[in-house]
Amino acid sequence: METKLFTWLGREFVEVTGEAKAGVSVESATAELFERFDGALKSQGLSLDNIVRVRVYGRDRQGRTDATLARSKILAGQRRAASSSFITQEWFDSAGAGGLELWALRPTNAAAQRKPVDFEPARNYLCYLEYDSLLFFSGFTSEAATLTAQVKDVLGTLDSALARAKTDWSKVKKLALLLQRGSNVDDVRQVLAAANRVSVPEIEFTFVDGFAGEKYLVEIEATALSSSM
């Protein structure tokens, strides 16, 4: 397990990354991993209540499913955070089949309230979390036929989500694109340029082996400022 502190957007974040233990069910091992993460956060004066984004990793499809189930049970109610999940073998250094990467936020205003916002109709993950004037959007996907079509589709979904959050692309500070391994990044960059989205200050590309849906080729997360910023 690794803990890292960093400052971004005028706030302090704590990033914790770790792999679930092997030899027991992925769901129970992931639940135990969350307990260890909570201890790491408490050493920094935070807790699972301060999580704003969580990524779930599975060595295979079943591992991803089981680890995601543990996440949905533990990060429930007001604890819900922006989330995404992936299948990847290269991410793992141990024999574990599930792993987590999370960000926790130390709010500038101690009275700041978390506002988890569901999709309509609701899904088993959030549309976005609003916390301390920041907006954390979950990973969005598409079942369009090609990678470029999926990127275009997801950008459209983000258009609607930003409007629902009463903000716009000028407030987006980061796009994180998780791509099917072997995808052509230049093709994706061309779609972003055609949509006039390359002005986003941070655009990050990461390769994985798969997603929740077998047709998915990309999952895109966004982080933005609220309209009050």
Protein backbone atom coordinates (compact mmCIF):
# COMPACT_ATOMS: atom_id res chain seq x y z
CA MET A 1 0.00 0.00 0.00
CA GLU A 2 1.26 3.49 -0.84
CA THR A 3 0.10 6.86 0.48
CA LYS A 4 0.89 10.15 -1.25
CA LEU A 5 -0.03 13.75 -0.39
CA PHE A 6 -0.29 16.38 -3.12
CA THR A 7 -1.75 19.84 -3.67
CA TRP A 8 -4.01 20.56 -6.63
CA LEU A 9 -6.65 23.18 -7.38
CA GLY A 10 -5.75 24.98 -4.16
CA ARG A 11 -6.50 21.94 -2.00
CA GLU A 12 -4.67 19.09 -0.36
CA PHE A 13 -5.40 15.56 -1.51
CA VAL A 14 -4.30 12.21 -0.15
CA GLU A 15 -3.90 9.40 -2.68
CA VAL A 16 -3.83 5.82 -1.41
CA THR A 17 -3.12 2.84 -3.68
CA GLY A 18 -3.00 -0.82 -2.77
CA GLU A 19 -3.64 -4.40 -3.79
CA ALA A 20 -6.00 -6.79 -2.00
CA LYS A 21 -4.48 -9.89 -0.45
CA ALA A 22 -4.54 -13.18 -2.28
CA GLY A 23 -5.91 -16.42 -0.84
CA VAL A 24 -9.39 -15.20 0.15
CA SER A 25 -12.39 -13.97 -1.82
CA VAL A 26 -11.79 -10.76 -3.74
CA GLU A 27 -14.81 -9.12 -2.12
CA SER A 28 -13.62 -9.77 1.45
CA ALA A 29 -10.00 -8.93 0.58
CA THR A 30 -11.12 -5.63 -0.94
CA ALA A 31 -13.21 -4.85 2.15
CA GLU A 32 -10.11 -5.47 4.30
CA LEU A 33 -8.12 -3.22 1.97
CA PHE A 34 -10.63 -0.42 2.54
CA GLU A 35 -10.07 -0.84 6.30
CA ARG A 36 -6.33 -0.40 5.79
CA PHE A 37 -6.97 2.63 3.61
CA ASP A 38 -9.16 4.12 6.33
CA GLY A 39 -6.27 3.75 8.77
CA ALA A 40 -3.91 5.49 6.34
CA LEU A 41 -6.39 8.34 5.90
CA LYS A 42 -6.94 8.68 9.65
CA SER A 43 -3.20 9.14 10.12
CA GLN A 44 -3.63 12.25 7.93
CA GLY A 45 -6.72 13.50 9.80
CA LEU A 46 -9.14 12.21 7.15
CA SER A 47 -11.34 9.14 6.66
CA LEU A 48 -13.33 7.25 4.04
CA ASP A 49 -15.89 10.07 4.36
CA ASN A 50 -13.42 12.33 2.53
CA ILE A 51 -13.02 10.11 -0.55
CA VAL A 52 -13.82 11.94 -3.78
CA ARG A 53 -12.67 9.44 -6.43
CA VAL A 54 -12.01 5.71 -6.39
CA ARG A 55 -10.73 3.39 -9.10
CA VAL A 56 -11.26 -0.35 -8.82
CA TYR A 57 -8.86 -2.75 -10.55
CA GLY A 58 -9.42 -6.43 -11.23
CA ARG A 59 -6.89 -8.92 -12.53
CA ASP A 60 -9.75 -10.43 -14.55
CA ARG A 61 -13.43 -9.72 -15.17
CA GLN A 62 -14.64 -11.59 -12.09
CA GLY A 63 -12.05 -9.87 -9.92
CA ARG A 64 -13.25 -6.48 -11.14
CA THR A 65 -16.88 -7.43 -10.45
CA ASP A 66 -16.18 -8.70 -6.93
CA ALA A 67 -13.99 -5.74 -5.97
CA THR A 68 -16.64 -3.33 -7.31
CA LEU A 69 -19.25 -5.06 -5.16
CA ALA A 70 -17.15 -4.42 -2.06
CA ARG A 71 -16.76 -0.78 -3.06
CA SER A 72 -20.51 -0.31 -3.49
CA LYS A 73 -21.18 -1.74 0.00
CA ILE A 74 -18.53 0.29 1.81
CA LEU A 75 -18.84 3.61 -0.04
CA ALA A 76 -22.61 3.85 0.38
CA GLY A 77 -24.95 6.72 1.20
CA GLN A 78 -23.13 10.01 1.74
CA ARG A 79 -19.81 8.20 1.37
CA ARG A 80 -20.42 7.60 -2.34
CA ALA A 81 -17.73 9.03 -4.58
CA ALA A 82 -16.95 9.30 -8.27
CA SER A 83 -15.85 5.86 -9.42
CA SER A 84 -14.58 3.79 -12.31
CA SER A 85 -13.39 0.22 -12.69
CA PHE A 86 -11.06 -1.68 -14.97
CA ILE A 87 -9.58 -5.04 -15.83
CA THR A 88 -5.80 -5.08 -16.02
CA GLN A 89 -3.00 -7.51 -15.22
CA GLU A 90 -0.02 -5.17 -15.57
CA TRP A 91 -1.24 -2.96 -12.70
CA PHE A 92 -0.65 -5.77 -10.18
CA ASP A 93 2.67 -6.57 -8.52
CA SER A 94 1.24 -9.21 -6.17
CA ALA A 95 -0.88 -12.33 -6.61
CA GLY A 96 -4.02 -10.42 -5.54
CA ALA A 97 -6.97 -10.23 -7.89
CA GLY A 98 -8.39 -6.85 -6.80
CA GLY A 99 -6.97 -3.43 -6.05
CA LEU A 100 -7.92 0.16 -5.30
CA GLU A 101 -6.72 3.66 -6.02
CA LEU A 102 -8.48 6.49 -4.23
CA TRP A 103 -8.26 10.20 -3.67
CA ALA A 104 -9.42 11.86 -0.46
CA LEU A 105 -9.87 15.63 -0.16
CA ARG A 106 -9.08 17.85 2.79
CA PRO A 107 -11.72 20.58 2.28
CA THR A 108 -10.73 24.23 2.62
CA ASN A 109 -14.02 24.78 4.44
CA ALA A 110 -14.48 22.39 7.37
CA ALA A 111 -18.26 22.79 7.01
CA ALA A 112 -18.27 21.72 3.35
CA GLN A 113 -20.98 19.14 2.63
CA ARG A 114 -20.69 16.25 0.21
CA LYS A 115 -23.34 16.19 -2.52
CA PRO A 116 -23.48 12.83 -4.34
CA VAL A 117 -25.58 13.16 -7.51
CA ASP A 118 -27.07 10.06 -9.15
CA PHE A 119 -27.81 9.37 -12.77
CA GLU A 120 -31.46 9.52 -13.81
CA PRO A 121 -32.46 6.73 -13.48
CA ALA A 122 -29.94 5.83 -10.76
CA ARG A 123 -27.12 3.36 -11.45
CA ASN A 124 -24.79 1.50 -9.08
CA TYR A 125 -22.29 4.36 -9.35
CA LEU A 126 -22.59 8.14 -9.18
CA CYS A 127 -22.92 10.61 -11.99
CA TYR A 128 -20.76 13.02 -10.00
CA LEU A 129 -19.78 14.19 -6.53
CA GLU A 130 -19.79 17.87 -5.58
CA TYR A 131 -17.56 18.63 -2.59
CA ASP A 132 -15.88 21.86 -1.48
CA SER A 133 -16.77 23.60 -4.78
CA LEU A 134 -15.17 20.83 -6.88
CA LEU A 135 -16.94 18.36 -9.17
CA PHE A 136 -15.71 14.80 -9.59
CA PHE A 137 -17.41 12.90 -12.45
CA SER A 138 -17.37 9.11 -12.56
CA GLY A 139 -15.88 7.27 -15.51
CA PHE A 140 -18.31 7.50 -18.45
CA THR A 141 -18.47 4.90 -21.22
CA SER A 142 -20.22 4.17 -24.52
CA GLU A 143 -21.17 1.14 -26.60
CA ALA A 144 -20.65 2.87 -29.95
CA ALA A 145 -19.02 0.72 -32.63
CA THR A 146 -15.53 2.32 -32.74
CA LEU A 147 -13.11 4.00 -30.37
CA THR A 148 -13.50 7.41 -31.99
CA ALA A 149 -17.29 7.10 -31.92
CA GLN A 150 -17.15 6.16 -28.25
CA VAL A 151 -14.99 9.18 -27.40
CA LYS A 152 -17.41 11.48 -29.23
CA ASP A 153 -20.34 9.85 -27.44
CA VAL A 154 -18.76 10.18 -23.99
CA LEU A 155 -17.89 13.85 -24.62
CA GLY A 156 -21.58 14.37 -25.35
CA THR A 157 -22.50 12.63 -22.11
CA LEU A 158 -20.10 14.92 -20.29
CA ASP A 159 -21.74 17.94 -21.97
CA SER A 160 -25.02 16.94 -20.35
CA ALA A 161 -23.45 16.12 -16.97
CA LEU A 162 -21.64 19.47 -16.83
CA ALA A 163 -24.86 21.29 -17.67
CA ARG A 164 -26.66 19.37 -14.96
CA ALA A 165 -23.96 20.43 -12.49
CA LYS A 166 -24.45 24.04 -13.66
CA THR A 167 -20.90 24.37 -14.95
CA ASP A 168 -19.19 24.09 -18.37
CA TRP A 169 -16.04 23.01 -20.16
CA SER A 170 -14.19 26.21 -19.20
CA LYS A 171 -14.25 24.87 -15.63
CA VAL A 172 -12.91 21.39 -16.48
CA LYS A 173 -9.40 21.02 -15.09
CA LYS A 174 -8.62 17.41 -15.98
CA LEU A 175 -9.73 14.63 -18.30
CA ALA A 176 -8.46 11.12 -17.57
CA LEU A 177 -8.95 8.69 -20.44
CA LEU A 178 -8.56 4.98 -19.70
CA LEU A 179 -8.07 3.21 -23.04
CA GLN A 180 -8.19 -0.38 -24.19
CA ARG A 181 -4.58 -1.49 -24.46
CA GLY A 182 -3.32 -1.13 -28.02
CA SER A 183 -5.60 1.82 -28.84
CA ASN A 184 -4.23 4.63 -31.00
CA VAL A 185 -3.87 7.71 -28.80
CA ASP A 186 -3.46 9.97 -31.85
CA ASP A 187 -6.96 9.01 -33.01
CA VAL A 188 -8.32 10.02 -29.63
CA ARG A 189 -6.40 13.30 -29.66
CA GLN A 190 -7.95 14.11 -33.05
CA VAL A 191 -11.46 13.62 -31.64
CA LEU A 192 -10.62 15.85 -28.67
CA ALA A 193 -9.23 18.51 -31.00
CA ALA A 194 -12.27 18.37 -33.29
CA ALA A 195 -14.49 18.83 -30.24
CA ASN A 196 -12.30 21.74 -29.05
CA ARG A 197 -11.42 19.93 -25.82
CA VAL A 198 -7.60 20.00 -26.02
CA SER A 199 -7.61 23.25 -24.01
CA VAL A 200 -8.36 21.27 -20.84
CA PRO A 201 -5.25 21.92 -18.66
CA GLU A 202 -4.56 18.24 -17.92
CA ILE A 203 -5.33 15.33 -20.24
CA GLU A 204 -4.12 11.93 -19.05
CA PHE A 205 -4.03 8.63 -20.94
CA THR A 206 -3.76 5.21 -19.26
CA PHE A 207 -4.00 1.76 -20.85
CA VAL A 208 -5.97 -1.14 -19.35
CA ASP A 209 -7.12 -4.56 -20.54
CA GLY A 210 -10.87 -4.15 -20.24
CA PHE A 211 -13.88 -2.54 -18.63
CA ALA A 212 -17.22 -3.44 -17.03
CA GLY A 213 -18.83 -3.81 -20.46
CA GLU A 214 -17.23 -6.00 -23.12
CA LYS A 215 -17.99 -3.43 -25.84
CA TYR A 216 -16.29 -0.55 -24.02
CA LEU A 217 -13.00 0.71 -25.46
CA VAL A 218 -12.58 3.84 -23.33
CA GLU A 219 -13.71 5.26 -20.00
CA ILE A 220 -13.37 8.98 -19.37
CA GLU A 221 -13.27 10.72 -15.99
CA ALA A 222 -13.51 14.49 -15.54
CA THR A 223 -12.71 16.85 -12.68
CA ALA A 224 -14.04 20.41 -12.75
CA LEU A 225 -14.70 23.50 -10.68
CA SER A 226 -18.26 24.32 -9.72
CA SER A 227 -19.88 27.46 -11.08
CA SER A 228 -19.13 29.26 -7.78
CA MET A 229 -15.37 29.06 -8.40
